[in-house]
Amino acid sequence: MPRWQFASTVANLSAGNIIVSSTPYLAGTPDAAIDLINTNFFGGEMNLATRTGLLNYLKAGTFNNTRVRETLSLAISSKAFQWY
């Protein structure tokens, strides 16, 4: 739970030292957003299980700022991300 809370806080920051803009992730499709998360946060090495889970989550709701930020939170709180 602490890992999820930290990731959620980071993904929702809009001021201070860390600014996470969701604009690039909203510029295309959900698939493109996951590809960008893979590039930006996983160095292009996201495993298939993580990709599938994130994509399923992103597509299960409205593709908007809130859903993208939630998906970013899930990505950086995943076990696969913790490897990096």
Protein backbone atom coordinates (compact mmCIF):
# COMPACT_ATOMS: atom_id res chain seq x y z
CA MET A 1 0.00 0.00 0.00
CA PRO A 2 2.75 2.56 0.71
CA ARG A 3 4.20 1.94 -2.76
CA TRP A 4 0.80 2.65 -4.36
CA GLN A 5 0.30 5.79 -2.25
CA PHE A 6 3.72 7.14 -3.22
CA ALA A 7 3.15 6.41 -6.90
CA SER A 8 -0.28 8.04 -6.80
CA THR A 9 1.17 11.15 -5.17
CA VAL A 10 3.96 11.44 -7.74
CA ALA A 11 1.64 10.91 -10.72
CA ASN A 12 -0.75 13.58 -9.48
CA LEU A 13 1.77 16.32 -8.74
CA SER A 14 1.30 19.50 -10.71
CA ALA A 15 3.58 21.87 -8.81
CA GLY A 16 6.90 21.73 -7.04
CA ASN A 17 10.05 19.99 -8.12
CA ILE A 18 8.37 17.19 -10.04
CA ILE A 19 5.80 18.00 -12.70
CA VAL A 20 4.08 15.10 -14.41
CA SER A 21 2.24 16.20 -17.52
CA SER A 22 -0.37 13.78 -18.84
CA THR A 23 -0.63 15.66 -22.16
CA PRO A 24 1.79 13.43 -24.11
CA TYR A 25 -0.08 10.33 -22.94
CA LEU A 26 -3.42 11.76 -24.07
CA ALA A 27 -2.16 12.73 -27.53
CA GLY A 28 -2.87 9.37 -29.12
CA THR A 29 -4.57 6.09 -28.30
CA PRO A 30 -4.47 4.06 -25.09
CA ASP A 31 -1.98 1.72 -26.82
CA ALA A 32 0.25 4.68 -27.66
CA ALA A 33 0.00 5.90 -24.06
CA ILE A 34 1.20 2.53 -22.77
CA ASP A 35 4.03 2.56 -25.31
CA LEU A 36 5.06 5.98 -24.02
CA ILE A 37 4.91 4.79 -20.40
CA ASN A 38 7.08 1.86 -21.44
CA THR A 39 9.61 4.19 -23.04
CA ASN A 40 9.62 6.86 -20.33
CA PHE A 41 9.47 4.72 -17.20
CA PHE A 42 10.64 1.22 -18.18
CA GLY A 43 13.34 2.00 -20.72
CA GLY A 44 11.40 0.02 -23.32
CA GLU A 45 11.64 -3.18 -21.25
CA MET A 46 8.13 -3.48 -19.80
CA ASN A 47 7.14 -7.13 -19.59
CA LEU A 48 4.02 -8.35 -21.40
CA ALA A 49 2.06 -9.05 -18.21
CA THR A 50 2.56 -5.50 -16.95
CA ARG A 51 1.74 -4.02 -20.35
CA THR A 52 -1.43 -6.08 -20.64
CA GLY A 53 -2.57 -5.17 -17.14
CA LEU A 54 -1.95 -1.45 -17.65
CA LEU A 55 -3.61 -1.43 -21.06
CA ASN A 56 -6.65 -3.30 -19.74
CA TYR A 57 -6.96 -0.81 -16.90
CA LEU A 58 -6.56 2.20 -19.18
CA LYS A 59 -9.15 0.92 -21.67
CA ALA A 60 -11.66 -0.04 -18.96
CA GLY A 61 -12.59 3.59 -18.33
CA THR A 62 -12.82 6.89 -20.11
CA PHE A 63 -9.52 7.82 -21.74
CA ASN A 64 -8.95 11.09 -19.91
CA ASN A 65 -6.48 12.86 -17.63
CA THR A 66 -7.66 11.07 -14.50
CA ARG A 67 -7.48 7.61 -16.05
CA VAL A 68 -4.02 8.29 -17.48
CA ARG A 69 -2.73 9.51 -14.10
CA GLU A 70 -4.17 6.41 -12.42
CA THR A 71 -2.43 4.25 -15.03
CA LEU A 72 0.85 6.08 -14.43
CA SER A 73 0.41 5.42 -10.71
CA LEU A 74 -0.16 1.74 -11.36
CA ALA A 75 2.87 1.59 -13.64
CA ILE A 76 5.31 3.12 -11.20
CA SER A 77 3.95 1.12 -8.29
CA SER A 78 4.24 -2.18 -10.18
CA LYS A 79 6.78 -4.80 -9.22
CA ALA A 80 8.21 -4.58 -12.72
CA PHE A 81 8.97 -0.87 -12.30
CA GLN A 82 10.58 -1.43 -8.92
CA TRP A 83 13.28 -3.38 -10.75
CA TYR A 84 14.61 -0.14 -12.25
